[in-house]
């Protein structure tokens, strides 16, 4: 089995260093996700895993919580994750993860999405990965960790932090902070949450994919 991992961020892809698998970074856009997943299939991947960070929607989700869903949903569409892959990842930790076209930043928006979808978490990549997997009749799964829980309001600087290749754009962050320095405390809190999420992902990568 040749696994292809799709990540949104270069930093997420680095967590897979040393794993015998194919990895592609999408930059967190719909077109980028599709291109990344198709590229992996073209290179020989026969299963796809959406990997990286997720936003928490369920009030019970905490920063660092592992997200391995049974289903990925997009409105009324439901994509069932491959049961064998889910088992390989240690079993489902939540029923549903939903997709969004952009980062869900506010508490109110998270609450609305949770009420409408019933999903425990949200990301930008998994729906696109699921669609490519269905198109090629191959299995897919999701391995993610919560970075921002439902109660966390994301500062504006975090929403402009990535360039089109999924790399940190420090210039954009600095300009945003110059406009509103009060974001600094929110960025520090987000940094702590991100460290928790990365520790979870590192642990799971070591446990599941490194021998």
N, C-alpha and C. Protein backbone atom coordinates (compact mmCIF):
# COMPACT_ATOMS: atom_id res chain seq x y z
N UNK A 1 0.85 -1.19 0.00
CA UNK A 1 0.00 0.00 0.00
C UNK A 1 0.89 1.24 0.00
N UNK A 2 0.67 2.11 -0.96
CA UNK A 2 1.42 3.37 -1.04
C UNK A 2 0.51 4.50 -0.58
N UNK A 3 0.87 5.11 0.54
CA UNK A 3 0.05 6.17 1.12
C UNK A 3 0.47 7.52 0.56
N UNK A 4 -0.51 8.34 0.23
CA UNK A 4 -0.28 9.72 -0.14
C UNK A 4 -0.89 10.64 0.90
N UNK A 5 -0.09 11.49 1.52
CA UNK A 5 -0.56 12.44 2.52
C UNK A 5 -0.76 13.80 1.87
N UNK A 6 -1.91 14.41 2.11
CA UNK A 6 -2.17 15.78 1.68
C UNK A 6 -2.20 16.67 2.91
N UNK A 7 -1.36 17.70 2.93
CA UNK A 7 -1.35 18.68 4.01
C UNK A 7 -1.67 20.05 3.43
N UNK A 8 -2.09 20.95 4.31
CA UNK A 8 -2.29 22.32 3.89
C UNK A 8 -1.03 23.15 4.02
N UNK A 9 -0.24 22.86 5.07
CA UNK A 9 0.91 23.68 5.42
C UNK A 9 2.22 22.92 5.21
N UNK A 10 3.25 23.66 4.88
CA UNK A 10 4.58 23.07 4.82
C UNK A 10 4.99 22.55 6.20
N UNK A 11 4.63 23.28 7.26
CA UNK A 11 4.96 22.85 8.62
C UNK A 11 4.32 21.51 8.95
N UNK A 12 3.12 21.27 8.43
CA UNK A 12 2.47 19.96 8.64
C UNK A 12 3.22 18.87 7.89
N UNK A 13 3.63 19.17 6.67
CA UNK A 13 4.37 18.19 5.88
C UNK A 13 5.67 17.79 6.55
N UNK A 14 6.31 18.74 7.24
CA UNK A 14 7.58 18.43 7.91
C UNK A 14 7.40 17.38 9.01
N UNK A 15 6.22 17.30 9.58
CA UNK A 15 5.97 16.29 10.62
C UNK A 15 6.04 14.88 10.06
N UNK A 16 5.95 14.74 8.75
CA UNK A 16 5.98 13.43 8.10
C UNK A 16 7.38 13.08 7.60
N UNK A 17 8.37 13.88 7.94
CA UNK A 17 9.74 13.61 7.51
C UNK A 17 10.17 12.22 7.97
N UNK A 18 10.73 11.46 7.04
CA UNK A 18 11.21 10.12 7.36
C UNK A 18 10.19 9.02 7.20
N UNK A 19 8.94 9.38 6.91
CA UNK A 19 7.89 8.39 6.70
C UNK A 19 7.96 7.90 5.25
N UNK A 20 7.82 6.60 5.06
CA UNK A 20 7.85 6.03 3.71
C UNK A 20 6.49 6.22 3.05
N UNK A 21 6.29 7.41 2.52
CA UNK A 21 5.01 7.77 1.91
C UNK A 21 5.23 8.96 1.00
N UNK A 22 4.23 9.24 0.18
CA UNK A 22 4.22 10.42 -0.67
C UNK A 22 3.53 11.55 0.07
N UNK A 23 4.04 12.77 -0.08
CA UNK A 23 3.48 13.92 0.62
C UNK A 23 3.35 15.08 -0.36
N UNK A 24 2.20 15.77 -0.32
CA UNK A 24 1.99 16.97 -1.13
C UNK A 24 1.30 18.03 -0.29
N UNK A 25 1.71 19.27 -0.47
CA UNK A 25 1.14 20.40 0.26
C UNK A 25 0.24 21.21 -0.66
N UNK A 26 -0.91 21.61 -0.13
CA UNK A 26 -1.94 22.22 -0.97
C UNK A 26 -2.00 23.74 -0.87
N UNK A 27 -1.47 24.32 0.20
CA UNK A 27 -1.63 25.75 0.40
C UNK A 27 -2.98 26.14 0.94
N UNK A 28 -3.83 25.17 1.25
CA UNK A 28 -5.11 25.45 1.88
C UNK A 28 -6.18 26.02 0.98
N UNK A 29 -6.05 25.83 -0.33
CA UNK A 29 -7.09 26.27 -1.26
C UNK A 29 -7.76 25.07 -1.90
N UNK A 30 -8.99 25.26 -2.38
CA UNK A 30 -9.72 24.16 -3.02
C UNK A 30 -8.95 23.64 -4.23
N UNK A 31 -8.50 24.56 -5.07
CA UNK A 31 -7.74 24.14 -6.26
C UNK A 31 -6.44 23.47 -5.87
N UNK A 32 -5.79 24.00 -4.84
CA UNK A 32 -4.54 23.42 -4.39
C UNK A 32 -4.70 22.02 -3.83
N UNK A 33 -5.78 21.79 -3.10
CA UNK A 33 -6.04 20.46 -2.55
C UNK A 33 -6.26 19.45 -3.67
N UNK A 34 -7.09 19.82 -4.62
CA UNK A 34 -7.36 18.92 -5.74
C UNK A 34 -6.08 18.60 -6.50
N UNK A 35 -5.29 19.63 -6.78
CA UNK A 35 -4.04 19.42 -7.52
C UNK A 35 -3.08 18.54 -6.73
N UNK A 36 -2.98 18.77 -5.42
CA UNK A 36 -2.07 17.98 -4.59
C UNK A 36 -2.48 16.52 -4.55
N UNK A 37 -3.77 16.27 -4.35
CA UNK A 37 -4.26 14.89 -4.28
C UNK A 37 -4.11 14.18 -5.62
N UNK A 38 -4.42 14.88 -6.70
CA UNK A 38 -4.27 14.27 -8.03
C UNK A 38 -2.80 13.97 -8.32
N UNK A 39 -1.92 14.86 -7.89
CA UNK A 39 -0.48 14.64 -8.07
C UNK A 39 -0.03 13.37 -7.36
N UNK A 40 -0.54 13.15 -6.15
CA UNK A 40 -0.17 11.96 -5.40
C UNK A 40 -0.66 10.69 -6.09
N UNK A 41 -1.88 10.74 -6.61
CA UNK A 41 -2.41 9.58 -7.33
C UNK A 41 -1.56 9.31 -8.58
N UNK A 42 -1.21 10.38 -9.28
CA UNK A 42 -0.36 10.22 -10.48
C UNK A 42 0.99 9.60 -10.13
N UNK A 43 1.48 9.86 -8.93
CA UNK A 43 2.78 9.32 -8.51
C UNK A 43 2.67 7.91 -7.93
N UNK A 44 1.46 7.38 -7.88
CA UNK A 44 1.32 6.00 -7.45
C UNK A 44 0.64 5.76 -6.13
N UNK A 45 0.13 6.80 -5.48
CA UNK A 45 -0.59 6.59 -4.23
C UNK A 45 -1.86 5.80 -4.49
N UNK A 46 -2.08 4.76 -3.68
CA UNK A 46 -3.32 4.00 -3.83
C UNK A 46 -4.27 4.19 -2.66
N UNK A 47 -3.87 5.01 -1.67
CA UNK A 47 -4.77 5.52 -0.64
C UNK A 47 -4.32 6.94 -0.31
N UNK A 48 -5.25 7.76 0.17
CA UNK A 48 -4.96 9.15 0.52
C UNK A 48 -5.31 9.40 1.98
N UNK A 49 -4.48 10.18 2.66
CA UNK A 49 -4.77 10.60 4.02
C UNK A 49 -4.65 12.12 4.10
N UNK A 50 -5.72 12.76 4.56
CA UNK A 50 -5.70 14.19 4.82
C UNK A 50 -5.10 14.40 6.21
N UNK A 51 -4.00 15.15 6.26
CA UNK A 51 -3.18 15.19 7.48
C UNK A 51 -2.90 16.63 7.90
N UNK A 52 -2.99 16.88 9.21
CA UNK A 52 -2.59 18.18 9.72
C UNK A 52 -3.50 18.71 10.80
N UNK A 53 -3.71 20.00 10.80
CA UNK A 53 -4.46 20.69 11.84
C UNK A 53 -5.93 20.81 11.47
N UNK A 54 -6.77 20.96 12.49
CA UNK A 54 -8.20 21.14 12.29
C UNK A 54 -8.72 22.14 13.31
N UNK A 55 -9.84 22.77 12.99
CA UNK A 55 -10.51 23.64 13.93
C UNK A 55 -11.57 22.87 14.69
N UNK A 56 -11.66 23.09 15.98
CA UNK A 56 -12.67 22.42 16.78
C UNK A 56 -14.03 23.09 16.64
N UNK A 57 -15.07 22.29 16.49
CA UNK A 57 -16.44 22.79 16.44
C UNK A 57 -17.26 22.33 17.65
N UNK A 58 -17.10 21.06 18.02
CA UNK A 58 -17.82 20.54 19.19
C UNK A 58 -17.26 21.20 20.45
N UNK A 59 -18.13 21.62 21.37
CA UNK A 59 -17.64 22.25 22.60
C UNK A 59 -16.70 21.36 23.40
N UNK A 60 -16.80 20.05 23.22
CA UNK A 60 -15.96 19.12 23.97
C UNK A 60 -14.54 19.02 23.41
N UNK A 61 -14.31 19.51 22.20
CA UNK A 61 -12.98 19.40 21.58
C UNK A 61 -12.01 20.38 22.22
N UNK A 62 -10.83 19.87 22.54
CA UNK A 62 -9.78 20.69 23.13
C UNK A 62 -8.56 20.74 22.20
N UNK A 63 -7.76 21.75 22.37
CA UNK A 63 -6.52 21.84 21.58
C UNK A 63 -5.68 20.59 21.81
N UNK A 64 -5.22 20.00 20.72
CA UNK A 64 -4.43 18.79 20.80
C UNK A 64 -5.22 17.51 20.67
N UNK A 65 -6.55 17.58 20.68
CA UNK A 65 -7.36 16.37 20.53
C UNK A 65 -7.14 15.75 19.16
N UNK A 66 -7.04 14.43 19.13
CA UNK A 66 -6.87 13.69 17.88
C UNK A 66 -8.20 13.60 17.15
N UNK A 67 -8.18 13.85 15.84
CA UNK A 67 -9.38 13.78 15.01
C UNK A 67 -9.17 12.73 13.93
N UNK A 68 -9.85 11.60 14.09
CA UNK A 68 -9.92 10.56 13.07
C UNK A 68 -11.41 10.27 12.86
N UNK A 69 -12.04 10.88 11.86
CA UNK A 69 -13.48 10.74 11.70
C UNK A 69 -13.88 9.49 10.93
N UNK A 70 -15.12 9.07 11.15
CA UNK A 70 -15.70 8.02 10.32
C UNK A 70 -16.13 8.58 8.97
N UNK A 71 -16.64 9.82 8.99
CA UNK A 71 -17.18 10.44 7.78
C UNK A 71 -16.62 11.86 7.62
N UNK A 72 -16.51 12.27 6.36
CA UNK A 72 -16.25 13.66 6.01
C UNK A 72 -17.50 14.18 5.32
N UNK A 73 -17.99 15.34 5.75
CA UNK A 73 -19.24 15.85 5.20
C UNK A 73 -19.03 17.22 4.58
N UNK A 74 -19.83 17.47 3.55
CA UNK A 74 -19.85 18.78 2.89
C UNK A 74 -21.30 19.09 2.60
N UNK A 75 -21.95 19.83 3.50
CA UNK A 75 -23.38 20.03 3.37
C UNK A 75 -24.12 18.71 3.52
N UNK A 76 -24.90 18.36 2.50
CA UNK A 76 -25.65 17.10 2.55
C UNK A 76 -24.84 15.91 2.04
N UNK A 77 -23.66 16.16 1.49
CA UNK A 77 -22.82 15.07 0.99
C UNK A 77 -22.05 14.42 2.13
N UNK A 78 -22.00 13.10 2.10
CA UNK A 78 -21.27 12.35 3.12
C UNK A 78 -20.28 11.42 2.43
N UNK A 79 -19.02 11.52 2.82
CA UNK A 79 -17.96 10.67 2.28
C UNK A 79 -17.48 9.76 3.41
N UNK A 80 -17.63 8.47 3.24
CA UNK A 80 -17.24 7.51 4.28
C UNK A 80 -15.74 7.22 4.19
N UNK A 81 -15.04 7.43 5.27
CA UNK A 81 -13.61 7.09 5.30
C UNK A 81 -13.44 5.58 5.21
N UNK A 82 -12.33 5.16 4.62
CA UNK A 82 -12.07 3.73 4.45
C UNK A 82 -11.91 3.07 5.82
N UNK A 83 -12.73 2.06 6.13
CA UNK A 83 -12.68 1.45 7.46
C UNK A 83 -11.31 0.86 7.80
N UNK A 84 -10.65 0.27 6.80
CA UNK A 84 -9.33 -0.30 7.06
C UNK A 84 -8.30 0.76 7.42
N UNK A 85 -8.34 1.89 6.72
CA UNK A 85 -7.43 2.98 7.05
C UNK A 85 -7.74 3.57 8.42
N UNK A 86 -9.02 3.73 8.71
CA UNK A 86 -9.41 4.26 10.02
C UNK A 86 -8.89 3.34 11.13
N UNK A 87 -9.02 2.03 10.93
CA UNK A 87 -8.51 1.07 11.92
C UNK A 87 -6.99 1.19 12.05
N UNK A 88 -6.30 1.37 10.93
CA UNK A 88 -4.85 1.52 10.95
C UNK A 88 -4.43 2.75 11.74
N UNK A 89 -5.28 3.78 11.74
CA UNK A 89 -5.00 5.01 12.48
C UNK A 89 -5.43 4.92 13.94
N UNK A 90 -5.86 3.74 14.37
CA UNK A 90 -6.23 3.54 15.76
C UNK A 90 -7.71 3.59 16.04
N UNK A 91 -8.52 3.75 14.98
CA UNK A 91 -9.96 3.80 15.15
C UNK A 91 -10.48 5.22 15.18
N UNK A 92 -11.75 5.37 14.84
CA UNK A 92 -12.37 6.69 14.79
C UNK A 92 -12.45 7.31 16.18
N UNK A 93 -12.13 8.59 16.25
CA UNK A 93 -12.28 9.33 17.51
C UNK A 93 -13.51 10.23 17.50
N UNK A 94 -14.03 10.52 16.30
CA UNK A 94 -15.25 11.32 16.15
C UNK A 94 -16.06 10.76 14.99
N UNK A 95 -17.34 11.10 14.95
CA UNK A 95 -18.18 10.64 13.86
C UNK A 95 -17.92 11.43 12.58
N UNK A 96 -17.86 12.76 12.70
CA UNK A 96 -17.83 13.59 11.49
C UNK A 96 -16.80 14.70 11.58
N UNK A 97 -16.22 14.99 10.42
CA UNK A 97 -15.44 16.21 10.19
C UNK A 97 -16.04 16.87 8.96
N UNK A 98 -16.16 18.19 8.99
CA UNK A 98 -16.72 18.90 7.84
C UNK A 98 -15.66 19.78 7.20
N UNK A 99 -15.93 20.19 5.98
CA UNK A 99 -15.02 21.07 5.27
C UNK A 99 -15.53 22.50 5.26
N UNK A 100 -14.64 23.42 4.92
CA UNK A 100 -14.99 24.83 4.76
C UNK A 100 -14.08 25.41 3.70
N UNK A 101 -14.56 26.40 2.94
CA UNK A 101 -13.72 27.01 1.90
C UNK A 101 -12.68 27.98 2.44
N UNK A 102 -12.84 28.38 3.71
CA UNK A 102 -11.89 29.30 4.34
C UNK A 102 -11.87 29.01 5.83
N UNK A 103 -10.86 29.53 6.50
CA UNK A 103 -10.73 29.31 7.94
C UNK A 103 -11.97 29.84 8.67
N UNK A 104 -12.50 29.05 9.57
CA UNK A 104 -13.65 29.44 10.38
C UNK A 104 -13.10 30.09 11.65
N UNK A 105 -13.21 31.41 11.73
CA UNK A 105 -12.41 32.15 12.71
C UNK A 105 -13.15 32.52 13.99
N UNK A 106 -14.44 32.77 13.91
CA UNK A 106 -15.15 33.31 15.08
C UNK A 106 -15.90 32.22 15.83
N UNK A 107 -16.15 32.48 17.11
CA UNK A 107 -16.93 31.55 17.92
C UNK A 107 -18.32 31.35 17.33
N UNK A 108 -18.93 32.44 16.86
CA UNK A 108 -20.28 32.34 16.31
C UNK A 108 -20.30 31.49 15.05
N UNK A 109 -19.33 31.71 14.17
CA UNK A 109 -19.28 30.92 12.93
C UNK A 109 -19.05 29.45 13.23
N UNK A 110 -18.21 29.16 14.21
CA UNK A 110 -17.98 27.77 14.59
C UNK A 110 -19.26 27.14 15.15
N UNK A 111 -19.96 27.88 15.99
CA UNK A 111 -21.20 27.36 16.57
C UNK A 111 -22.24 27.10 15.49
N UNK A 112 -22.35 28.01 14.53
CA UNK A 112 -23.31 27.82 13.43
C UNK A 112 -22.96 26.59 12.60
N UNK A 113 -21.68 26.41 12.30
CA UNK A 113 -21.26 25.26 11.50
C UNK A 113 -21.48 23.96 12.26
N UNK A 114 -21.23 23.98 13.55
CA UNK A 114 -21.47 22.78 14.37
C UNK A 114 -22.95 22.43 14.39
N UNK A 115 -23.80 23.45 14.55
CA UNK A 115 -25.25 23.21 14.58
C UNK A 115 -25.75 22.67 13.25
N UNK A 116 -25.18 23.15 12.15
CA UNK A 116 -25.65 22.73 10.84
C UNK A 116 -25.10 21.41 10.35
N UNK A 117 -23.92 21.04 10.84
CA UNK A 117 -23.26 19.84 10.32
C UNK A 117 -23.18 18.68 11.31
N UNK A 118 -23.20 18.99 12.59
CA UNK A 118 -22.99 17.96 13.60
C UNK A 118 -21.57 17.45 13.63
N UNK A 119 -20.66 18.14 12.94
CA UNK A 119 -19.26 17.70 12.87
C UNK A 119 -18.48 18.19 14.08
N UNK A 120 -17.56 17.35 14.54
CA UNK A 120 -16.74 17.71 15.69
C UNK A 120 -15.67 18.73 15.33
N UNK A 121 -15.24 18.73 14.06
CA UNK A 121 -14.12 19.58 13.66
C UNK A 121 -14.26 19.96 12.19
N UNK A 122 -13.43 20.91 11.77
CA UNK A 122 -13.47 21.43 10.40
C UNK A 122 -12.05 21.62 9.89
N UNK A 123 -11.86 21.39 8.60
CA UNK A 123 -10.60 21.74 7.96
C UNK A 123 -10.85 22.18 6.52
N UNK A 124 -9.79 22.55 5.82
CA UNK A 124 -9.92 23.06 4.46
C UNK A 124 -9.61 22.01 3.40
N UNK A 125 -9.04 20.87 3.80
CA UNK A 125 -8.51 19.94 2.81
C UNK A 125 -9.29 18.65 2.65
N UNK A 126 -9.92 18.15 3.70
CA UNK A 126 -10.41 16.76 3.68
C UNK A 126 -11.51 16.51 2.66
N UNK A 127 -12.39 17.48 2.44
CA UNK A 127 -13.43 17.28 1.43
C UNK A 127 -12.81 17.12 0.04
N UNK A 128 -11.84 17.96 -0.28
CA UNK A 128 -11.16 17.83 -1.57
C UNK A 128 -10.45 16.51 -1.73
N UNK A 129 -9.79 16.06 -0.66
CA UNK A 129 -9.12 14.76 -0.69
C UNK A 129 -10.15 13.65 -0.91
N UNK A 130 -11.27 13.74 -0.22
CA UNK A 130 -12.33 12.73 -0.37
C UNK A 130 -12.84 12.69 -1.80
N UNK A 131 -13.04 13.84 -2.39
CA UNK A 131 -13.56 13.88 -3.77
C UNK A 131 -12.58 13.22 -4.75
N UNK A 132 -11.30 13.49 -4.60
CA UNK A 132 -10.32 12.87 -5.49
C UNK A 132 -10.28 11.36 -5.26
N UNK A 133 -10.35 10.93 -4.00
CA UNK A 133 -10.35 9.49 -3.71
C UNK A 133 -11.54 8.80 -4.35
N UNK A 134 -12.71 9.41 -4.25
CA UNK A 134 -13.91 8.83 -4.86
C UNK A 134 -13.74 8.78 -6.38
N UNK A 135 -13.20 9.84 -6.96
CA UNK A 135 -13.02 9.90 -8.41
C UNK A 135 -12.14 8.75 -8.91
N UNK A 136 -11.15 8.37 -8.10
CA UNK A 136 -10.22 7.32 -8.51
C UNK A 136 -10.54 5.97 -7.87
N UNK A 137 -11.64 5.90 -7.14
CA UNK A 137 -12.07 4.65 -6.49
C UNK A 137 -10.98 4.08 -5.58
N UNK A 138 -10.37 4.95 -4.77
CA UNK A 138 -9.38 4.51 -3.79
C UNK A 138 -9.82 4.96 -2.40
N UNK A 139 -9.24 4.34 -1.38
CA UNK A 139 -9.61 4.66 -0.01
C UNK A 139 -8.98 5.96 0.47
N UNK A 140 -9.62 6.57 1.45
CA UNK A 140 -9.06 7.77 2.07
C UNK A 140 -9.43 7.78 3.56
N UNK A 141 -8.68 8.55 4.31
CA UNK A 141 -8.96 8.76 5.73
C UNK A 141 -8.41 10.11 6.14
N UNK A 142 -8.66 10.48 7.38
CA UNK A 142 -8.24 11.77 7.91
C UNK A 142 -7.50 11.55 9.22
N UNK A 143 -6.35 12.19 9.36
CA UNK A 143 -5.58 12.17 10.61
C UNK A 143 -5.22 13.61 10.94
N UNK A 144 -5.90 14.18 11.91
CA UNK A 144 -5.71 15.59 12.22
C UNK A 144 -5.75 15.80 13.73
N UNK A 145 -5.37 17.00 14.14
CA UNK A 145 -5.42 17.37 15.55
C UNK A 145 -5.99 18.77 15.67
N UNK A 146 -6.77 18.99 16.70
CA UNK A 146 -7.42 20.29 16.91
C UNK A 146 -6.38 21.33 17.32
N UNK A 147 -6.38 22.45 16.61
CA UNK A 147 -5.49 23.55 16.98
C UNK A 147 -6.26 24.67 17.67
N UNK A 148 -7.43 25.02 17.17
CA UNK A 148 -8.23 26.08 17.80
C UNK A 148 -9.57 25.50 18.23
N UNK A 149 -9.82 25.38 19.53
CA UNK A 149 -11.11 24.86 20.00
C UNK A 149 -12.24 25.83 19.68
N UNK A 150 -13.46 25.38 19.90
CA UNK A 150 -14.63 26.14 19.47
C UNK A 150 -14.72 27.51 20.13
N UNK A 151 -14.20 27.64 21.33
CA UNK A 151 -14.30 28.92 22.04
C UNK A 151 -13.24 29.93 21.62
N UNK A 152 -12.27 29.49 20.81
CA UNK A 152 -11.14 30.35 20.45
C UNK A 152 -11.49 31.25 19.26
N UNK A 153 -11.38 32.57 19.45
CA UNK A 153 -11.49 33.53 18.36
C UNK A 153 -10.12 33.68 17.72
N UNK A 154 -10.03 33.43 16.43
CA UNK A 154 -8.73 33.53 15.76
C UNK A 154 -8.42 34.99 15.44
N UNK A 155 -7.23 35.46 15.78
CA UNK A 155 -6.85 36.84 15.45
C UNK A 155 -6.68 37.01 13.95
N UNK A 156 -6.90 38.24 13.49
CA UNK A 156 -6.82 38.52 12.06
C UNK A 156 -5.47 38.13 11.47
N UNK A 157 -4.40 38.31 12.23
CA UNK A 157 -3.07 38.00 11.71
C UNK A 157 -2.94 36.54 11.33
N UNK A 158 -3.64 35.67 12.04
CA UNK A 158 -3.55 34.24 11.72
C UNK A 158 -4.23 33.91 10.40
N UNK A 159 -5.15 34.75 9.98
CA UNK A 159 -5.91 34.49 8.75
C UNK A 159 -5.13 34.90 7.50
N UNK A 160 -4.09 35.68 7.67
CA UNK A 160 -3.27 36.10 6.53
C UNK A 160 -1.86 35.51 6.63
N UNK A 161 -1.69 34.53 7.50
CA UNK A 161 -0.35 34.06 7.85
C UNK A 161 0.29 33.17 6.79
N UNK A 162 -0.50 32.66 5.84
CA UNK A 162 0.04 31.71 4.87
C UNK A 162 0.15 32.33 3.49
N UNK A 163 1.22 31.95 2.77
CA UNK A 163 1.26 32.31 1.36
C UNK A 163 0.61 31.20 0.55
N UNK A 164 0.65 31.34 -0.77
CA UNK A 164 -0.07 30.42 -1.64
C UNK A 164 0.52 29.01 -1.65
N UNK A 165 1.72 28.85 -1.11
CA UNK A 165 2.37 27.53 -1.06
C UNK A 165 2.27 26.88 0.30
N UNK A 166 1.50 27.50 1.22
CA UNK A 166 1.36 26.92 2.54
C UNK A 166 2.53 27.22 3.47
N UNK A 167 3.30 28.27 3.18
CA UNK A 167 4.41 28.68 4.03
C UNK A 167 4.02 29.91 4.85
N UNK A 168 4.64 30.05 6.01
CA UNK A 168 4.36 31.19 6.86
C UNK A 168 4.85 32.47 6.18
N UNK A 169 3.95 33.45 6.07
CA UNK A 169 4.27 34.73 5.44
C UNK A 169 4.46 35.78 6.54
N UNK A 170 5.68 35.90 7.04
CA UNK A 170 5.94 36.77 8.18
C UNK A 170 5.61 38.23 7.88
N UNK A 171 5.83 38.65 6.65
CA UNK A 171 5.53 40.04 6.30
C UNK A 171 4.06 40.37 6.51
N UNK A 172 3.20 39.45 6.12
CA UNK A 172 1.76 39.68 6.29
C UNK A 172 1.39 39.74 7.77
N UNK A 173 1.99 38.87 8.56
CA UNK A 173 1.70 38.85 10.00
C UNK A 173 2.14 40.16 10.64
N UNK A 174 3.34 40.63 10.30
CA UNK A 174 3.86 41.86 10.89
C UNK A 174 2.99 43.05 10.51
N UNK A 175 2.55 43.10 9.27
CA UNK A 175 1.69 44.22 8.85
C UNK A 175 0.36 44.19 9.59
N UNK A 176 -0.19 42.99 9.79
CA UNK A 176 -1.45 42.87 10.52
C UNK A 176 -1.28 43.30 11.98
N UNK A 177 -0.17 42.90 12.59
CA UNK A 177 0.09 43.30 13.97
C UNK A 177 0.32 44.80 14.09
N UNK A 178 0.92 45.39 13.08
CA UNK A 178 1.13 46.84 13.11
C UNK A 178 -0.20 47.58 13.10
N UNK A 179 -1.18 47.02 12.38
CA UNK A 179 -2.50 47.64 12.34
C UNK A 179 -3.26 47.43 13.65
N UNK A 180 -3.04 46.28 14.30
CA UNK A 180 -3.77 45.98 15.53
C UNK A 180 -2.87 45.19 16.48
N UNK A 181 -2.06 45.88 17.28
CA UNK A 181 -1.14 45.19 18.19
C UNK A 181 -1.85 44.36 19.25
N UNK A 182 -3.13 44.61 19.50
CA UNK A 182 -3.85 43.87 20.53
C UNK A 182 -4.03 42.39 20.17
N UNK A 183 -3.68 42.03 18.93
CA UNK A 183 -3.78 40.63 18.52
C UNK A 183 -2.70 39.75 19.14
N UNK A 184 -1.67 40.37 19.70
CA UNK A 184 -0.51 39.59 20.13
C UNK A 184 -0.89 38.52 21.13
N UNK A 185 -1.74 38.86 22.10
CA UNK A 185 -2.11 37.86 23.11
C UNK A 185 -2.85 36.69 22.47
N UNK A 186 -3.70 36.99 21.47
CA UNK A 186 -4.40 35.92 20.77
C UNK A 186 -3.46 35.03 19.99
N UNK A 187 -2.43 35.63 19.39
CA UNK A 187 -1.45 34.84 18.65
C UNK A 187 -0.63 33.95 19.59
N UNK A 188 -0.31 34.47 20.77
CA UNK A 188 0.44 33.66 21.74
C UNK A 188 -0.39 32.46 22.18
N UNK A 189 -1.68 32.69 22.46
CA UNK A 189 -2.56 31.58 22.85
C UNK A 189 -2.68 30.56 21.73
N UNK A 190 -2.81 31.06 20.49
CA UNK A 190 -2.89 30.16 19.34
C UNK A 190 -1.60 29.37 19.18
N UNK A 191 -0.47 30.00 19.44
CA UNK A 191 0.80 29.30 19.36
C UNK A 191 0.88 28.15 20.36
N UNK A 192 0.38 28.37 21.56
CA UNK A 192 0.36 27.29 22.56
C UNK A 192 -0.53 26.14 22.09
N UNK A 193 -1.70 26.49 21.56
CA UNK A 193 -2.61 25.45 21.06
C UNK A 193 -1.98 24.69 19.90
N UNK A 194 -1.29 25.41 19.02
CA UNK A 194 -0.66 24.75 17.88
C UNK A 194 0.42 23.78 18.34
N UNK A 195 1.17 24.15 19.37
CA UNK A 195 2.19 23.25 19.90
C UNK A 195 1.56 21.96 20.41
N UNK A 196 0.41 22.06 21.06
CA UNK A 196 -0.28 20.85 21.53
C UNK A 196 -0.71 19.98 20.35
N UNK A 197 -1.26 20.62 19.33
CA UNK A 197 -1.72 19.86 18.16
C UNK A 197 -0.55 19.18 17.46
N UNK A 198 0.56 19.87 17.33
CA UNK A 198 1.73 19.27 16.68
C UNK A 198 2.27 18.09 17.48
N UNK A 199 2.24 18.19 18.81
CA UNK A 199 2.70 17.07 19.63
C UNK A 199 1.83 15.84 19.38
N UNK A 200 0.53 16.05 19.27
CA UNK A 200 -0.37 14.93 18.98
C UNK A 200 -0.04 14.31 17.64
N UNK A 201 0.15 15.13 16.63
CA UNK A 201 0.45 14.60 15.29
C UNK A 201 1.79 13.88 15.27
N UNK A 202 2.80 14.44 15.92
CA UNK A 202 4.10 13.77 15.98
C UNK A 202 3.97 12.40 16.64
N UNK A 203 3.22 12.34 17.73
CA UNK A 203 3.02 11.07 18.44
C UNK A 203 2.37 10.04 17.54
N UNK A 204 1.33 10.45 16.81
CA UNK A 204 0.61 9.51 15.95
C UNK A 204 1.45 9.08 14.75
N UNK A 205 2.21 10.00 14.19
CA UNK A 205 3.09 9.63 13.07
C UNK A 205 4.11 8.60 13.53
N UNK A 206 4.70 8.82 14.70
CA UNK A 206 5.68 7.87 15.23
C UNK A 206 5.03 6.52 15.50
N UNK A 207 3.85 6.54 16.08
CA UNK A 207 3.16 5.30 16.45
C UNK A 207 2.69 4.51 15.24
N UNK A 208 2.19 5.20 14.22
CA UNK A 208 1.52 4.51 13.11
C UNK A 208 2.40 4.28 11.89
N UNK A 209 3.41 5.14 11.69
CA UNK A 209 4.11 5.10 10.40
C UNK A 209 5.62 4.95 10.48
N UNK A 210 6.19 5.05 11.68
CA UNK A 210 7.63 4.86 11.80
C UNK A 210 7.91 3.56 12.52
N UNK A 211 8.89 2.83 12.04
CA UNK A 211 9.21 1.55 12.66
C UNK A 211 10.58 1.59 13.31
